[in-house]
Amino acid sequence: MGKLLLESGTYYEVLLIALSSAIKEKERQIQEAYTDDVRILDRCGEILSQHEECDIFLKTANECTPLIADFRRIHLYLSDKHLDSVKRNK
């Protein structure tokens, strides 16, 4: 198997950038779904699942939150691997 040639960095650097972008995108999706109506209900201490106008926000948050957590775990793992790789190559 040949060596993978990347234009924007090492294998780890490219994966870390991609994961960072994915995390930011999922966080943006949650923020975008947190509309003024949802914000008002949330600040009043309402149970969001009891309000139809919160459905999109709750669905988005329930889908994105576990992905964000997984992406962060993978990012941390790859960061550690990348640092180990850099140390070995010095």
N, C-alpha and C. Protein backbone atom coordinates (compact mmCIF):
# COMPACT_ATOMS: atom_id res chain seq x y z
N MET A 1 0.84 -1.18 0.00
CA MET A 1 0.00 0.00 0.00
C MET A 1 0.89 1.23 0.00
N GLY A 2 0.59 2.18 -0.88
CA GLY A 2 1.40 3.39 -1.00
C GLY A 2 1.09 4.40 0.09
N LYS A 3 1.93 5.40 0.14
CA LYS A 3 1.76 6.46 1.13
C LYS A 3 0.67 7.42 0.67
N LEU A 4 -0.19 7.80 1.57
CA LEU A 4 -1.28 8.72 1.29
C LEU A 4 -0.72 10.14 1.21
N LEU A 5 -0.88 10.78 0.07
CA LEU A 5 -0.39 12.14 -0.11
C LEU A 5 -1.54 13.12 0.05
N LEU A 6 -1.42 13.98 1.03
CA LEU A 6 -2.44 14.98 1.30
C LEU A 6 -1.87 16.37 1.04
N GLU A 7 -2.72 17.28 0.62
CA GLU A 7 -2.26 18.62 0.26
C GLU A 7 -2.33 19.62 1.40
N SER A 8 -3.15 19.35 2.42
CA SER A 8 -3.35 20.37 3.44
C SER A 8 -2.78 20.01 4.81
N GLY A 9 -2.02 18.94 4.91
CA GLY A 9 -1.41 18.58 6.18
C GLY A 9 -1.25 17.08 6.28
N THR A 10 -0.86 16.66 7.47
CA THR A 10 -0.71 15.23 7.71
C THR A 10 -2.09 14.59 7.85
N TYR A 11 -2.10 13.28 7.84
CA TYR A 11 -3.33 12.51 8.02
C TYR A 11 -4.07 12.97 9.28
N TYR A 12 -3.35 13.06 10.40
CA TYR A 12 -3.97 13.47 11.65
C TYR A 12 -4.46 14.91 11.58
N GLU A 13 -3.67 15.80 11.01
CA GLU A 13 -4.06 17.21 10.91
C GLU A 13 -5.34 17.38 10.10
N VAL A 14 -5.44 16.68 8.99
CA VAL A 14 -6.63 16.77 8.14
C VAL A 14 -7.86 16.22 8.88
N LEU A 15 -7.70 15.09 9.56
CA LEU A 15 -8.82 14.54 10.32
C LEU A 15 -9.23 15.45 11.47
N LEU A 16 -8.27 16.06 12.14
CA LEU A 16 -8.59 16.97 13.24
C LEU A 16 -9.34 18.20 12.73
N ILE A 17 -8.93 18.72 11.59
CA ILE A 17 -9.62 19.87 10.99
C ILE A 17 -11.05 19.48 10.61
N ALA A 18 -11.20 18.31 10.00
CA ALA A 18 -12.53 17.84 9.59
C ALA A 18 -13.44 17.66 10.81
N LEU A 19 -12.91 17.08 11.87
CA LEU A 19 -13.72 16.89 13.08
C LEU A 19 -14.09 18.22 13.72
N SER A 20 -13.15 19.16 13.75
CA SER A 20 -13.45 20.49 14.29
C SER A 20 -14.57 21.16 13.50
N SER A 21 -14.50 21.04 12.19
CA SER A 21 -15.55 21.61 11.34
C SER A 21 -16.89 20.94 11.59
N ALA A 22 -16.88 19.63 11.74
CA ALA A 22 -18.13 18.89 11.99
C ALA A 22 -18.74 19.29 13.33
N ILE A 23 -17.91 19.46 14.34
CA ILE A 23 -18.38 19.88 15.66
C ILE A 23 -19.03 21.26 15.56
N LYS A 24 -18.35 22.20 14.90
CA LYS A 24 -18.89 23.55 14.75
C LYS A 24 -20.21 23.54 13.98
N GLU A 25 -20.31 22.72 12.96
CA GLU A 25 -21.54 22.64 12.17
C GLU A 25 -22.70 22.10 13.00
N LYS A 26 -22.46 21.06 13.76
CA LYS A 26 -23.53 20.49 14.60
C LYS A 26 -23.95 21.48 15.69
N GLU A 27 -22.99 22.19 16.27
CA GLU A 27 -23.32 23.21 17.26
C GLU A 27 -24.13 24.34 16.62
N ARG A 28 -23.80 24.70 15.39
CA ARG A 28 -24.53 25.74 14.66
C ARG A 28 -25.96 25.30 14.41
N GLN A 29 -26.14 24.03 14.05
CA GLN A 29 -27.48 23.51 13.81
C GLN A 29 -28.35 23.59 15.06
N ILE A 30 -27.77 23.27 16.19
CA ILE A 30 -28.51 23.35 17.45
C ILE A 30 -28.87 24.80 17.75
N GLN A 31 -27.90 25.70 17.60
CA GLN A 31 -28.15 27.12 17.87
C GLN A 31 -29.21 27.68 16.94
N GLU A 32 -29.17 27.27 15.69
CA GLU A 32 -30.15 27.74 14.71
C GLU A 32 -31.56 27.25 15.06
N ALA A 33 -31.67 26.05 15.59
CA ALA A 33 -32.97 25.50 15.96
C ALA A 33 -33.51 26.09 17.27
N TYR A 34 -32.63 26.75 18.02
CA TYR A 34 -33.02 27.38 19.29
C TYR A 34 -33.59 28.76 18.98
N THR A 35 -34.81 28.76 18.49
CA THR A 35 -35.46 29.99 18.03
C THR A 35 -35.87 30.86 19.21
N ASP A 36 -36.35 32.06 18.89
CA ASP A 36 -36.82 32.97 19.94
C ASP A 36 -37.96 32.34 20.75
N ASP A 37 -38.87 31.64 20.06
CA ASP A 37 -39.98 30.98 20.76
C ASP A 37 -39.47 29.95 21.76
N VAL A 38 -38.51 29.16 21.34
CA VAL A 38 -37.93 28.14 22.23
C VAL A 38 -37.21 28.83 23.39
N ARG A 39 -36.47 29.87 23.09
CA ARG A 39 -35.71 30.60 24.12
C ARG A 39 -36.66 31.15 25.19
N ILE A 40 -37.77 31.74 24.76
CA ILE A 40 -38.73 32.32 25.71
C ILE A 40 -39.31 31.23 26.61
N LEU A 41 -39.71 30.12 26.02
CA LEU A 41 -40.26 29.01 26.81
C LEU A 41 -39.21 28.46 27.78
N ASP A 42 -37.98 28.35 27.31
CA ASP A 42 -36.89 27.82 28.12
C ASP A 42 -36.63 28.74 29.32
N ARG A 43 -36.60 30.03 29.08
CA ARG A 43 -36.34 31.00 30.16
C ARG A 43 -37.47 31.03 31.18
N CYS A 44 -38.67 30.70 30.74
CA CYS A 44 -39.82 30.67 31.66
C CYS A 44 -39.88 29.36 32.44
N GLY A 45 -38.95 28.46 32.18
CA GLY A 45 -38.90 27.19 32.89
C GLY A 45 -39.91 26.17 32.39
N GLU A 46 -40.42 26.39 31.20
CA GLU A 46 -41.38 25.45 30.63
C GLU A 46 -40.70 24.14 30.25
N ILE A 47 -41.46 23.06 30.24
CA ILE A 47 -40.96 21.77 29.76
C ILE A 47 -41.08 21.80 28.24
N LEU A 48 -39.95 21.87 27.58
CA LEU A 48 -39.94 22.11 26.13
C LEU A 48 -40.66 21.02 25.35
N SER A 49 -40.59 19.79 25.81
CA SER A 49 -41.21 18.68 25.07
C SER A 49 -42.74 18.78 25.06
N GLN A 50 -43.30 19.64 25.87
CA GLN A 50 -44.75 19.81 25.91
C GLN A 50 -45.24 20.89 24.95
N HIS A 51 -44.33 21.48 24.20
CA HIS A 51 -44.68 22.57 23.29
C HIS A 51 -44.29 22.21 21.87
N GLU A 52 -45.27 22.28 20.98
CA GLU A 52 -45.06 21.89 19.58
C GLU A 52 -43.96 22.72 18.91
N GLU A 53 -43.85 24.00 19.27
CA GLU A 53 -42.86 24.86 18.63
C GLU A 53 -41.42 24.48 18.99
N CYS A 54 -41.26 23.57 19.93
CA CYS A 54 -39.92 23.13 20.34
C CYS A 54 -39.50 21.82 19.67
N ASP A 55 -40.38 21.22 18.89
CA ASP A 55 -40.10 19.90 18.29
C ASP A 55 -38.82 19.88 17.46
N ILE A 56 -38.66 20.88 16.60
CA ILE A 56 -37.47 20.91 15.72
C ILE A 56 -36.21 21.05 16.56
N PHE A 57 -36.24 21.95 17.55
CA PHE A 57 -35.07 22.13 18.41
C PHE A 57 -34.72 20.83 19.13
N LEU A 58 -35.72 20.19 19.73
CA LEU A 58 -35.46 18.96 20.49
C LEU A 58 -34.95 17.84 19.59
N LYS A 59 -35.53 17.71 18.41
CA LYS A 59 -35.08 16.69 17.46
C LYS A 59 -33.62 16.95 17.05
N THR A 60 -33.33 18.20 16.74
CA THR A 60 -31.97 18.57 16.33
C THR A 60 -30.98 18.33 17.47
N ALA A 61 -31.33 18.77 18.66
CA ALA A 61 -30.45 18.60 19.82
C ALA A 61 -30.23 17.12 20.13
N ASN A 62 -31.29 16.32 20.04
CA ASN A 62 -31.17 14.89 20.32
C ASN A 62 -30.32 14.16 19.29
N GLU A 63 -30.34 14.63 18.05
CA GLU A 63 -29.52 14.01 17.01
C GLU A 63 -28.07 14.50 17.07
N CYS A 64 -27.88 15.78 17.32
CA CYS A 64 -26.54 16.37 17.22
C CYS A 64 -25.70 16.20 18.48
N THR A 65 -26.30 16.25 19.64
CA THR A 65 -25.54 16.20 20.89
C THR A 65 -24.68 14.94 21.03
N PRO A 66 -25.22 13.74 20.77
CA PRO A 66 -24.36 12.56 20.86
C PRO A 66 -23.24 12.57 19.81
N LEU A 67 -23.54 13.09 18.62
CA LEU A 67 -22.50 13.18 17.58
C LEU A 67 -21.40 14.13 18.01
N ILE A 68 -21.77 15.27 18.58
CA ILE A 68 -20.77 16.23 19.04
C ILE A 68 -19.88 15.57 20.09
N ALA A 69 -20.48 14.87 21.03
CA ALA A 69 -19.69 14.19 22.08
C ALA A 69 -18.75 13.16 21.47
N ASP A 70 -19.24 12.37 20.51
CA ASP A 70 -18.39 11.38 19.85
C ASP A 70 -17.27 12.05 19.06
N PHE A 71 -17.61 13.10 18.31
CA PHE A 71 -16.60 13.82 17.54
C PHE A 71 -15.51 14.38 18.45
N ARG A 72 -15.90 14.89 19.61
CA ARG A 72 -14.92 15.44 20.56
C ARG A 72 -14.02 14.33 21.11
N ARG A 73 -14.60 13.16 21.40
CA ARG A 73 -13.79 12.04 21.89
C ARG A 73 -12.78 11.59 20.83
N ILE A 74 -13.25 11.49 19.60
CA ILE A 74 -12.36 11.09 18.50
C ILE A 74 -11.29 12.15 18.30
N HIS A 75 -11.68 13.42 18.37
CA HIS A 75 -10.73 14.53 18.20
C HIS A 75 -9.64 14.45 19.27
N LEU A 76 -10.03 14.21 20.51
CA LEU A 76 -9.06 14.09 21.60
C LEU A 76 -8.13 12.91 21.37
N TYR A 77 -8.70 11.78 20.97
CA TYR A 77 -7.91 10.58 20.69
C TYR A 77 -6.90 10.85 19.58
N LEU A 78 -7.36 11.45 18.48
CA LEU A 78 -6.46 11.72 17.35
C LEU A 78 -5.42 12.78 17.70
N SER A 79 -5.81 13.75 18.52
CA SER A 79 -4.85 14.77 18.96
C SER A 79 -3.70 14.12 19.72
N ASP A 80 -4.05 13.20 20.62
CA ASP A 80 -3.02 12.48 21.38
C ASP A 80 -2.14 11.65 20.44
N LYS A 81 -2.76 10.96 19.48
CA LYS A 81 -2.00 10.17 18.51
C LYS A 81 -1.08 11.06 17.69
N HIS A 82 -1.59 12.22 17.28
CA HIS A 82 -0.79 13.16 16.48
C HIS A 82 0.41 13.66 17.28
N LEU A 83 0.19 14.00 18.54
CA LEU A 83 1.30 14.46 19.38
C LEU A 83 2.34 13.37 19.56
N ASP A 84 1.88 12.13 19.75
CA ASP A 84 2.81 11.00 19.86
C ASP A 84 3.61 10.84 18.57
N SER A 85 2.94 10.98 17.44
CA SER A 85 3.59 10.85 16.14
C SER A 85 4.63 11.94 15.93
N VAL A 86 4.30 13.16 16.32
CA VAL A 86 5.24 14.29 16.18
C VAL A 86 6.46 14.06 17.07
N LYS A 87 6.23 13.60 18.30
CA LYS A 87 7.34 13.35 19.22
C LYS A 87 8.27 12.26 18.69
N ARG A 88 7.69 11.22 18.09
CA ARG A 88 8.52 10.13 17.55
C ARG A 88 9.35 10.60 16.37
N ASN A 89 8.83 11.52 15.60
CA ASN A 89 9.53 11.97 14.39
C ASN A 89 10.58 13.03 14.66
N LYS A 90 10.68 13.51 15.89
CA LYS A 90 11.69 14.53 16.21
C LYS A 90 13.04 13.91 16.45
